[in-house]
Amino acid sequence: MNTGTKNITMRFAGIDDAETVYAMIFALAELLGDERKVVSSVDDFIEYGFSKRQAFEALLAEQDGQPVGICLFFYSFSTWLGALGVYIQDLYVSDEARGTGLGRMLVAETARIAAGRGANHLRLAVDSKNTDAQAFYESLGMKVRDDELIYQASGDAFAALAAGVDGE
């Protein structure tokens, strides 16, 4: 996929890009001041992105052959809509490529690919402190869903659930 803009090309990341994908996700965490929360490894990205257990895909943007952005996504199913959707887990644009429209291009290309596969909606979550990202997504026509809250079980809480819950 050649965008024709500022020598930027987009392509699906492959197994040879696992270190680059990981580095960009870590750079996003650093940007948010959350690098201490990253416990994943390059091997995790290989196993879950580039093997038979594939849980995600990633679009990699390059400018003059150098990685400058990534959109990591996966598919979901809405039981209420009865439709396939795409969920953007991570979107990152490097400092040198910010302001070029690359973020918009990555989201639009992800939506185009997903629509071609039958999806009819796109979802994502934004860090509550990341007001720049919130404004960006709103500029794309996305709306905050104020009728939902995200709940998560991880660590000990997840282990307890996985081990089984004592019923009443």
N, C-alpha and C. Protein backbone atom coordinates (compact mmCIF):
# COMPACT_ATOMS: atom_id res chain seq x y z
N MET A 1 0.85 -1.17 0.00
CA MET A 1 0.00 0.00 0.00
C MET A 1 0.89 1.23 0.00
N ASN A 2 0.82 2.00 -1.04
CA ASN A 2 1.60 3.23 -1.10
C ASN A 2 0.64 4.39 -1.00
N THR A 3 0.83 5.22 0.00
CA THR A 3 -0.08 6.33 0.21
C THR A 3 0.19 7.49 -0.73
N GLY A 4 1.39 7.52 -1.31
CA GLY A 4 1.74 8.60 -2.21
C GLY A 4 1.97 9.92 -1.50
N THR A 5 2.02 9.93 -0.18
CA THR A 5 2.20 11.15 0.59
C THR A 5 3.53 11.11 1.33
N LYS A 6 4.39 12.06 1.02
CA LYS A 6 5.65 12.24 1.74
C LYS A 6 6.46 10.95 1.84
N ASN A 7 6.50 10.18 0.79
CA ASN A 7 7.26 8.94 0.74
C ASN A 7 6.88 7.96 1.84
N ILE A 8 5.62 7.99 2.25
CA ILE A 8 5.13 7.07 3.28
C ILE A 8 4.45 5.90 2.61
N THR A 9 4.82 4.70 3.04
CA THR A 9 4.17 3.49 2.57
C THR A 9 3.61 2.76 3.79
N MET A 10 2.56 1.99 3.56
CA MET A 10 1.98 1.17 4.61
C MET A 10 1.93 -0.26 4.12
N ARG A 11 2.19 -1.18 5.04
CA ARG A 11 2.13 -2.60 4.72
C ARG A 11 1.82 -3.37 5.99
N PHE A 12 1.35 -4.60 5.81
CA PHE A 12 1.16 -5.45 6.97
C PHE A 12 2.52 -5.84 7.53
N ALA A 13 2.63 -5.78 8.84
CA ALA A 13 3.85 -6.22 9.50
C ALA A 13 3.92 -7.74 9.42
N GLY A 14 5.13 -8.25 9.29
CA GLY A 14 5.37 -9.69 9.26
C GLY A 14 6.29 -10.09 10.40
N ILE A 15 6.59 -11.36 10.47
CA ILE A 15 7.41 -11.87 11.57
C ILE A 15 8.76 -11.16 11.66
N ASP A 16 9.32 -10.77 10.54
CA ASP A 16 10.61 -10.06 10.56
C ASP A 16 10.49 -8.66 11.15
N ASP A 17 9.27 -8.20 11.33
CA ASP A 17 9.02 -6.87 11.91
C ASP A 17 8.69 -6.93 13.40
N ALA A 18 8.73 -8.10 14.01
CA ALA A 18 8.30 -8.24 15.40
C ALA A 18 9.05 -7.30 16.34
N GLU A 19 10.35 -7.16 16.17
CA GLU A 19 11.12 -6.25 17.03
C GLU A 19 10.71 -4.80 16.82
N THR A 20 10.43 -4.43 15.58
CA THR A 20 9.98 -3.07 15.28
C THR A 20 8.61 -2.81 15.89
N VAL A 21 7.71 -3.77 15.75
CA VAL A 21 6.37 -3.64 16.33
C VAL A 21 6.49 -3.45 17.84
N TYR A 22 7.27 -4.30 18.48
CA TYR A 22 7.46 -4.18 19.92
C TYR A 22 8.06 -2.83 20.30
N ALA A 23 9.07 -2.39 19.57
CA ALA A 23 9.72 -1.11 19.87
C ALA A 23 8.74 0.05 19.76
N MET A 24 7.85 0.01 18.78
CA MET A 24 6.89 1.09 18.61
C MET A 24 5.84 1.06 19.72
N ILE A 25 5.43 -0.11 20.14
CA ILE A 25 4.47 -0.21 21.24
C ILE A 25 5.12 0.30 22.53
N PHE A 26 6.38 -0.04 22.72
CA PHE A 26 7.10 0.46 23.90
C PHE A 26 7.26 1.98 23.83
N ALA A 27 7.52 2.51 22.64
CA ALA A 27 7.64 3.97 22.47
C ALA A 27 6.32 4.65 22.82
N LEU A 28 5.20 4.03 22.46
CA LEU A 28 3.89 4.57 22.83
C LEU A 28 3.74 4.60 24.35
N ALA A 29 4.13 3.52 25.01
CA ALA A 29 4.05 3.47 26.47
C ALA A 29 4.93 4.57 27.09
N GLU A 30 6.11 4.77 26.52
CA GLU A 30 6.99 5.83 27.02
C GLU A 30 6.35 7.20 26.84
N LEU A 31 5.74 7.41 25.70
CA LEU A 31 5.06 8.68 25.42
C LEU A 31 3.99 8.97 26.47
N LEU A 32 3.32 7.92 26.93
CA LEU A 32 2.27 8.06 27.92
C LEU A 32 2.80 8.02 29.36
N GLY A 33 4.12 7.80 29.50
CA GLY A 33 4.70 7.68 30.84
C GLY A 33 4.36 6.37 31.51
N ASP A 34 4.03 5.35 30.72
CA ASP A 34 3.59 4.07 31.26
C ASP A 34 4.52 2.91 30.91
N GLU A 35 5.78 3.20 30.61
CA GLU A 35 6.68 2.12 30.18
C GLU A 35 6.84 1.04 31.25
N ARG A 36 6.67 1.39 32.52
CA ARG A 36 6.79 0.39 33.60
C ARG A 36 5.68 -0.66 33.53
N LYS A 37 4.60 -0.33 32.84
CA LYS A 37 3.47 -1.26 32.72
C LYS A 37 3.70 -2.32 31.63
N VAL A 38 4.67 -2.10 30.77
CA VAL A 38 4.91 -3.03 29.66
C VAL A 38 5.69 -4.23 30.17
N VAL A 39 5.05 -5.37 30.15
CA VAL A 39 5.70 -6.62 30.58
C VAL A 39 5.80 -7.61 29.41
N SER A 40 5.29 -7.22 28.25
CA SER A 40 5.35 -8.09 27.07
C SER A 40 6.78 -8.12 26.53
N SER A 41 7.00 -9.05 25.60
CA SER A 41 8.32 -9.21 24.98
C SER A 41 8.14 -9.38 23.47
N VAL A 42 9.23 -9.30 22.76
CA VAL A 42 9.22 -9.54 21.32
C VAL A 42 8.65 -10.94 21.05
N ASP A 43 9.01 -11.92 21.88
CA ASP A 43 8.51 -13.28 21.70
C ASP A 43 6.98 -13.34 21.79
N ASP A 44 6.39 -12.52 22.66
CA ASP A 44 4.93 -12.47 22.76
C ASP A 44 4.32 -11.97 21.45
N PHE A 45 4.94 -10.97 20.86
CA PHE A 45 4.44 -10.44 19.59
C PHE A 45 4.59 -11.47 18.47
N ILE A 46 5.67 -12.22 18.50
CA ILE A 46 5.85 -13.28 17.50
C ILE A 46 4.76 -14.34 17.67
N GLU A 47 4.54 -14.78 18.91
CA GLU A 47 3.56 -15.85 19.16
C GLU A 47 2.13 -15.42 18.83
N TYR A 48 1.74 -14.22 19.21
CA TYR A 48 0.35 -13.82 19.06
C TYR A 48 0.05 -12.97 17.82
N GLY A 49 1.10 -12.58 17.11
CA GLY A 49 0.86 -11.79 15.91
C GLY A 49 1.30 -12.48 14.64
N PHE A 50 2.24 -13.39 14.76
CA PHE A 50 2.86 -13.93 13.55
C PHE A 50 3.00 -15.45 13.61
N SER A 51 2.01 -16.11 14.20
CA SER A 51 2.02 -17.58 14.26
C SER A 51 0.61 -18.08 14.03
N LYS A 52 0.41 -19.37 14.19
CA LYS A 52 -0.93 -19.95 14.03
C LYS A 52 -1.89 -19.45 15.10
N ARG A 53 -1.37 -18.91 16.19
CA ARG A 53 -2.21 -18.37 17.27
C ARG A 53 -2.50 -16.89 17.05
N GLN A 54 -2.42 -16.43 15.84
CA GLN A 54 -2.52 -15.00 15.54
C GLN A 54 -3.74 -14.36 16.19
N ALA A 55 -3.46 -13.36 17.05
CA ALA A 55 -4.51 -12.65 17.76
C ALA A 55 -4.65 -11.21 17.28
N PHE A 56 -3.69 -10.74 16.50
CA PHE A 56 -3.74 -9.37 16.01
C PHE A 56 -3.02 -9.27 14.67
N GLU A 57 -3.28 -8.15 14.00
CA GLU A 57 -2.55 -7.77 12.80
C GLU A 57 -2.01 -6.36 13.05
N ALA A 58 -1.04 -5.96 12.28
CA ALA A 58 -0.50 -4.62 12.44
C ALA A 58 -0.16 -4.03 11.07
N LEU A 59 -0.56 -2.80 10.89
CA LEU A 59 -0.13 -2.03 9.73
C LEU A 59 1.10 -1.25 10.15
N LEU A 60 2.14 -1.36 9.38
CA LEU A 60 3.39 -0.66 9.65
C LEU A 60 3.56 0.43 8.60
N ALA A 61 3.76 1.66 9.05
CA ALA A 61 4.00 2.78 8.14
C ALA A 61 5.49 3.09 8.13
N GLU A 62 6.01 3.29 6.93
CA GLU A 62 7.43 3.60 6.78
C GLU A 62 7.57 4.86 5.92
N GLN A 63 8.56 5.66 6.28
CA GLN A 63 8.90 6.82 5.47
C GLN A 63 10.33 6.64 5.02
N ASP A 64 10.49 6.62 3.71
CA ASP A 64 11.81 6.36 3.12
C ASP A 64 12.44 5.10 3.71
N GLY A 65 11.62 4.07 3.93
CA GLY A 65 12.10 2.78 4.42
C GLY A 65 12.27 2.67 5.92
N GLN A 66 12.03 3.74 6.66
CA GLN A 66 12.18 3.73 8.12
C GLN A 66 10.81 3.70 8.79
N PRO A 67 10.62 2.85 9.82
CA PRO A 67 9.31 2.77 10.48
C PRO A 67 8.98 4.08 11.21
N VAL A 68 7.77 4.59 10.96
CA VAL A 68 7.35 5.84 11.60
C VAL A 68 5.95 5.74 12.22
N GLY A 69 5.28 4.62 12.05
CA GLY A 69 3.96 4.49 12.63
C GLY A 69 3.45 3.07 12.59
N ILE A 70 2.48 2.80 13.46
CA ILE A 70 1.90 1.47 13.52
C ILE A 70 0.45 1.56 13.97
N CYS A 71 -0.36 0.68 13.44
CA CYS A 71 -1.73 0.50 13.92
C CYS A 71 -1.91 -0.99 14.14
N LEU A 72 -2.05 -1.38 15.40
CA LEU A 72 -2.22 -2.78 15.77
C LEU A 72 -3.70 -3.00 16.07
N PHE A 73 -4.30 -3.99 15.41
CA PHE A 73 -5.75 -4.18 15.51
C PHE A 73 -6.12 -5.65 15.50
N PHE A 74 -7.37 -5.91 15.89
CA PHE A 74 -7.93 -7.26 15.82
C PHE A 74 -9.43 -7.14 15.60
N TYR A 75 -10.07 -8.25 15.29
CA TYR A 75 -11.50 -8.24 15.00
C TYR A 75 -12.30 -8.68 16.22
N SER A 76 -13.51 -8.17 16.28
CA SER A 76 -14.44 -8.51 17.35
C SER A 76 -15.81 -8.72 16.71
N PHE A 77 -16.73 -9.20 17.51
CA PHE A 77 -18.09 -9.40 17.02
C PHE A 77 -19.04 -8.72 17.98
N SER A 78 -19.91 -7.88 17.46
CA SER A 78 -20.94 -7.23 18.27
C SER A 78 -22.20 -8.07 18.23
N THR A 79 -22.57 -8.59 19.37
CA THR A 79 -23.80 -9.39 19.44
C THR A 79 -25.03 -8.52 19.25
N TRP A 80 -24.98 -7.26 19.65
CA TRP A 80 -26.12 -6.37 19.50
C TRP A 80 -26.28 -5.90 18.07
N LEU A 81 -25.16 -5.66 17.39
CA LEU A 81 -25.23 -5.25 15.98
C LEU A 81 -25.32 -6.46 15.04
N GLY A 82 -24.91 -7.62 15.55
CA GLY A 82 -24.85 -8.80 14.69
C GLY A 82 -23.83 -8.62 13.59
N ALA A 83 -22.71 -7.98 13.95
CA ALA A 83 -21.74 -7.62 12.91
C ALA A 83 -20.31 -7.70 13.41
N LEU A 84 -19.43 -7.93 12.46
CA LEU A 84 -17.99 -7.91 12.70
C LEU A 84 -17.54 -6.47 12.87
N GLY A 85 -16.62 -6.26 13.79
CA GLY A 85 -16.03 -4.95 14.00
C GLY A 85 -14.53 -5.08 14.10
N VAL A 86 -13.86 -3.96 14.06
CA VAL A 86 -12.41 -3.95 14.23
C VAL A 86 -12.10 -3.10 15.46
N TYR A 87 -11.13 -3.57 16.25
CA TYR A 87 -10.72 -2.88 17.45
C TYR A 87 -9.26 -2.48 17.30
N ILE A 88 -9.00 -1.20 17.40
CA ILE A 88 -7.62 -0.72 17.35
C ILE A 88 -7.07 -0.76 18.77
N GLN A 89 -6.10 -1.61 18.98
CA GLN A 89 -5.47 -1.75 20.29
C GLN A 89 -4.44 -0.65 20.51
N ASP A 90 -3.63 -0.39 19.51
CA ASP A 90 -2.58 0.62 19.64
C ASP A 90 -2.39 1.35 18.33
N LEU A 91 -2.25 2.66 18.42
CA LEU A 91 -1.91 3.52 17.29
C LEU A 91 -0.77 4.40 17.73
N TYR A 92 0.32 4.37 16.97
CA TYR A 92 1.49 5.17 17.33
C TYR A 92 2.10 5.79 16.08
N VAL A 93 2.42 7.06 16.20
CA VAL A 93 3.13 7.78 15.15
C VAL A 93 4.35 8.42 15.80
N SER A 94 5.52 8.21 15.22
CA SER A 94 6.76 8.74 15.80
C SER A 94 6.78 10.26 15.74
N ASP A 95 7.60 10.85 16.58
CA ASP A 95 7.71 12.31 16.65
C ASP A 95 7.91 12.94 15.29
N GLU A 96 8.83 12.38 14.50
CA GLU A 96 9.17 12.99 13.21
C GLU A 96 8.04 12.92 12.19
N ALA A 97 7.07 12.04 12.42
CA ALA A 97 5.96 11.90 11.45
C ALA A 97 4.66 12.51 11.95
N ARG A 98 4.66 13.03 13.17
CA ARG A 98 3.43 13.66 13.68
C ARG A 98 3.14 14.92 12.88
N GLY A 99 1.86 15.14 12.66
CA GLY A 99 1.44 16.32 11.93
C GLY A 99 1.40 16.14 10.42
N THR A 100 1.74 14.94 9.96
CA THR A 100 1.76 14.67 8.51
C THR A 100 0.45 14.06 8.02
N GLY A 101 -0.45 13.73 8.95
CA GLY A 101 -1.68 13.04 8.59
C GLY A 101 -1.54 11.53 8.64
N LEU A 102 -0.40 11.05 9.11
CA LEU A 102 -0.15 9.61 9.13
C LEU A 102 -1.12 8.87 10.05
N GLY A 103 -1.42 9.42 11.21
CA GLY A 103 -2.37 8.77 12.12
C GLY A 103 -3.71 8.57 11.45
N ARG A 104 -4.18 9.61 10.79
CA ARG A 104 -5.46 9.54 10.07
C ARG A 104 -5.37 8.47 8.97
N MET A 105 -4.25 8.43 8.25
CA MET A 105 -4.09 7.44 7.19
C MET A 105 -4.09 6.02 7.74
N LEU A 106 -3.43 5.79 8.87
CA LEU A 106 -3.40 4.45 9.47
C LEU A 106 -4.79 4.01 9.92
N VAL A 107 -5.53 4.90 10.56
CA VAL A 107 -6.89 4.55 10.99
C VAL A 107 -7.78 4.30 9.78
N ALA A 108 -7.68 5.17 8.78
CA ALA A 108 -8.51 5.00 7.58
C ALA A 108 -8.18 3.71 6.84
N GLU A 109 -6.91 3.38 6.74
CA GLU A 109 -6.52 2.14 6.05
C GLU A 109 -7.00 0.92 6.83
N THR A 110 -6.93 0.98 8.16
CA THR A 110 -7.45 -0.11 8.98
C THR A 110 -8.94 -0.27 8.75
N ALA A 111 -9.67 0.84 8.74
CA ALA A 111 -11.12 0.79 8.48
C ALA A 111 -11.41 0.23 7.09
N ARG A 112 -10.62 0.64 6.10
CA ARG A 112 -10.83 0.16 4.72
C ARG A 112 -10.63 -1.35 4.65
N ILE A 113 -9.56 -1.84 5.26
CA ILE A 113 -9.27 -3.28 5.26
C ILE A 113 -10.40 -4.03 5.97
N ALA A 114 -10.79 -3.52 7.14
CA ALA A 114 -11.84 -4.18 7.92
C ALA A 114 -13.17 -4.19 7.17
N ALA A 115 -13.51 -3.08 6.53
CA ALA A 115 -14.76 -3.03 5.75
C ALA A 115 -14.72 -4.05 4.63
N GLY A 116 -13.57 -4.21 4.02
CA GLY A 116 -13.41 -5.21 2.96
C GLY A 116 -13.57 -6.63 3.45
N ARG A 117 -13.40 -6.83 4.74
CA ARG A 117 -13.57 -8.15 5.35
C ARG A 117 -14.94 -8.29 6.02
N GLY A 118 -15.81 -7.31 5.83
CA GLY A 118 -17.17 -7.40 6.33
C GLY A 118 -17.46 -6.64 7.61
N ALA A 119 -16.50 -5.93 8.17
CA ALA A 119 -16.73 -5.18 9.40
C ALA A 119 -17.54 -3.92 9.11
N ASN A 120 -18.32 -3.49 10.11
CA ASN A 120 -19.09 -2.27 9.91
C ASN A 120 -18.92 -1.25 11.03
N HIS A 121 -17.95 -1.49 11.93
CA HIS A 121 -17.67 -0.51 12.96
C HIS A 121 -16.24 -0.66 13.47
N LEU A 122 -15.76 0.40 14.10
CA LEU A 122 -14.41 0.45 14.63
C LEU A 122 -14.49 0.97 16.06
N ARG A 123 -13.75 0.34 16.95
CA ARG A 123 -13.72 0.75 18.35
C ARG A 123 -12.28 0.85 18.82
N LEU A 124 -12.09 1.63 19.86
CA LEU A 124 -10.80 1.72 20.52
C LEU A 124 -10.99 2.35 21.88
N ALA A 125 -9.99 2.27 22.71
CA ALA A 125 -10.00 2.93 24.02
C ALA A 125 -8.83 3.90 24.03
N VAL A 126 -9.00 4.99 24.75
CA VAL A 126 -7.97 6.02 24.85
C VAL A 126 -7.66 6.26 26.32
N ASP A 127 -6.40 6.39 26.63
CA ASP A 127 -5.99 6.73 27.98
C ASP A 127 -6.70 8.01 28.40
N SER A 128 -7.26 8.02 29.60
CA SER A 128 -8.05 9.17 30.05
C SER A 128 -7.22 10.45 30.15
N LYS A 129 -5.91 10.33 30.27
CA LYS A 129 -5.04 11.50 30.35
C LYS A 129 -4.60 12.00 28.98
N ASN A 130 -4.81 11.21 27.94
CA ASN A 130 -4.28 11.54 26.62
C ASN A 130 -5.28 12.40 25.84
N THR A 131 -5.33 13.67 26.20
CA THR A 131 -6.31 14.58 25.59
C THR A 131 -6.00 14.85 24.12
N ASP A 132 -4.72 14.80 23.73
CA ASP A 132 -4.39 14.97 22.31
C ASP A 132 -5.00 13.85 21.47
N ALA A 133 -4.89 12.62 21.95
CA ALA A 133 -5.46 11.48 21.22
C ALA A 133 -6.99 11.59 21.20
N GLN A 134 -7.57 12.01 22.30
CA GLN A 134 -9.02 12.16 22.35
C GLN A 134 -9.49 13.16 21.30
N ALA A 135 -8.81 14.29 21.21
CA ALA A 135 -9.17 15.31 20.21
C ALA A 135 -8.96 14.77 18.80
N PHE A 136 -7.89 14.00 18.59
CA PHE A 136 -7.63 13.41 17.28
C PHE A 136 -8.77 12.48 16.86
N TYR A 137 -9.17 11.57 17.74
CA TYR A 137 -10.23 10.63 17.39
C TYR A 137 -11.56 11.34 17.16
N GLU A 138 -11.83 12.37 17.94
CA GLU A 138 -13.04 13.16 17.71
C GLU A 138 -12.98 13.85 16.35
N SER A 139 -11.78 14.28 15.92
CA SER A 139 -11.65 14.92 14.60
C SER A 139 -11.93 13.94 13.46
N LEU A 140 -11.84 12.64 13.76
CA LEU A 140 -12.15 11.61 12.77
C LEU A 140 -13.64 11.27 12.75
N GLY A 141 -14.41 11.92 13.61
CA GLY A 141 -15.84 11.65 13.69
C GLY A 141 -16.20 10.58 14.70
N MET A 142 -15.23 10.13 15.47
CA MET A 142 -15.51 9.11 16.49
C MET A 142 -16.12 9.79 17.70
N LYS A 143 -16.95 9.07 18.40
CA LYS A 143 -17.66 9.58 19.58
C LYS A 143 -17.31 8.76 20.81
N VAL A 144 -17.24 9.44 21.94
CA VAL A 144 -17.05 8.76 23.22
C VAL A 144 -18.35 8.05 23.58
N ARG A 145 -18.23 6.80 23.97
CA ARG A 145 -19.40 6.04 24.41
C ARG A 145 -19.55 6.26 25.91
N ASP A 146 -20.49 7.08 26.29
CA ASP A 146 -20.67 7.35 27.72
C ASP A 146 -21.67 6.39 28.37
N ASP A 147 -22.14 5.42 27.59
CA ASP A 147 -23.07 4.44 28.14
C ASP A 147 -22.38 3.12 28.51
N GLU A 148 -21.04 3.10 28.41
CA GLU A 148 -20.29 1.89 28.73
C GLU A 148 -19.10 2.24 29.60
N LEU A 149 -18.69 1.31 30.42
CA LEU A 149 -17.45 1.39 31.18
C LEU A 149 -16.65 0.14 30.88
N ILE A 150 -15.35 0.25 30.84
CA ILE A 150 -14.49 -0.90 30.59
C ILE A 150 -14.08 -1.49 31.94
N TYR A 151 -14.33 -2.77 32.11
CA TYR A 151 -13.89 -3.50 33.30
C TYR A 151 -12.81 -4.48 32.88
N GLN A 152 -11.87 -4.71 33.77
CA GLN A 152 -10.78 -5.63 33.46
C GLN A 152 -10.43 -6.45 34.68
N ALA A 153 -10.17 -7.71 34.47
CA ALA A 153 -9.63 -8.58 35.51
C ALA A 153 -8.24 -9.00 35.04
N SER A 154 -7.24 -8.75 35.84
CA SER A 154 -5.88 -9.17 35.51
C SER A 154 -5.17 -9.57 36.79
N GLY A 155 -4.00 -10.13 36.64
CA GLY A 155 -3.23 -10.55 37.81
C GLY A 155 -3.99 -11.54 38.67
N ASP A 156 -4.01 -11.28 39.97
CA ASP A 156 -4.66 -12.19 40.93
C ASP A 156 -6.16 -12.33 40.66
N ALA A 157 -6.80 -11.23 40.27
CA ALA A 157 -8.24 -11.30 40.01
C ALA A 157 -8.54 -12.23 38.84
N PHE A 158 -7.73 -12.16 37.79
CA PHE A 158 -7.93 -13.05 36.64
C PHE A 158 -7.63 -14.49 37.03
N ALA A 159 -6.55 -14.69 37.78
CA ALA A 159 -6.19 -16.05 38.21
C ALA A 159 -7.30 -16.67 39.03
N ALA A 160 -7.90 -15.86 39.91
CA ALA A 160 -9.00 -16.37 40.73
C ALA A 160 -10.21 -16.75 39.87
N LEU A 161 -10.52 -15.91 38.90
CA LEU A 161 -11.63 -16.25 38.00
C LEU A 161 -11.34 -17.51 37.21
N ALA A 162 -10.13 -17.62 36.70
CA ALA A 162 -9.75 -18.78 35.89
C ALA A 162 -9.76 -20.06 36.71
N ALA A 163 -9.49 -19.92 38.00
CA ALA A 163 -9.47 -21.09 38.89
C ALA A 163 -10.88 -21.53 39.27
N GLY A 164 -11.85 -20.67 39.03
CA GLY A 164 -13.22 -20.99 39.38
C GLY A 164 -13.70 -20.15 40.54
N VAL A 165 -14.98 -19.86 40.51
CA VAL A 165 -15.58 -19.04 41.55
C VAL A 165 -16.49 -19.92 42.39
N ASP A 166 -16.37 -19.80 43.69
CA ASP A 166 -17.28 -20.53 44.57
C ASP A 166 -18.66 -19.95 44.42
N GLY A 167 -19.62 -20.77 44.01
CA GLY A 167 -20.98 -20.30 43.84
C GLY A 167 -21.75 -20.30 45.14
N GLU A 168 -22.88 -19.64 45.11
CA GLU A 168 -23.74 -19.60 46.31
C GLU A 168 -24.80 -20.65 46.19
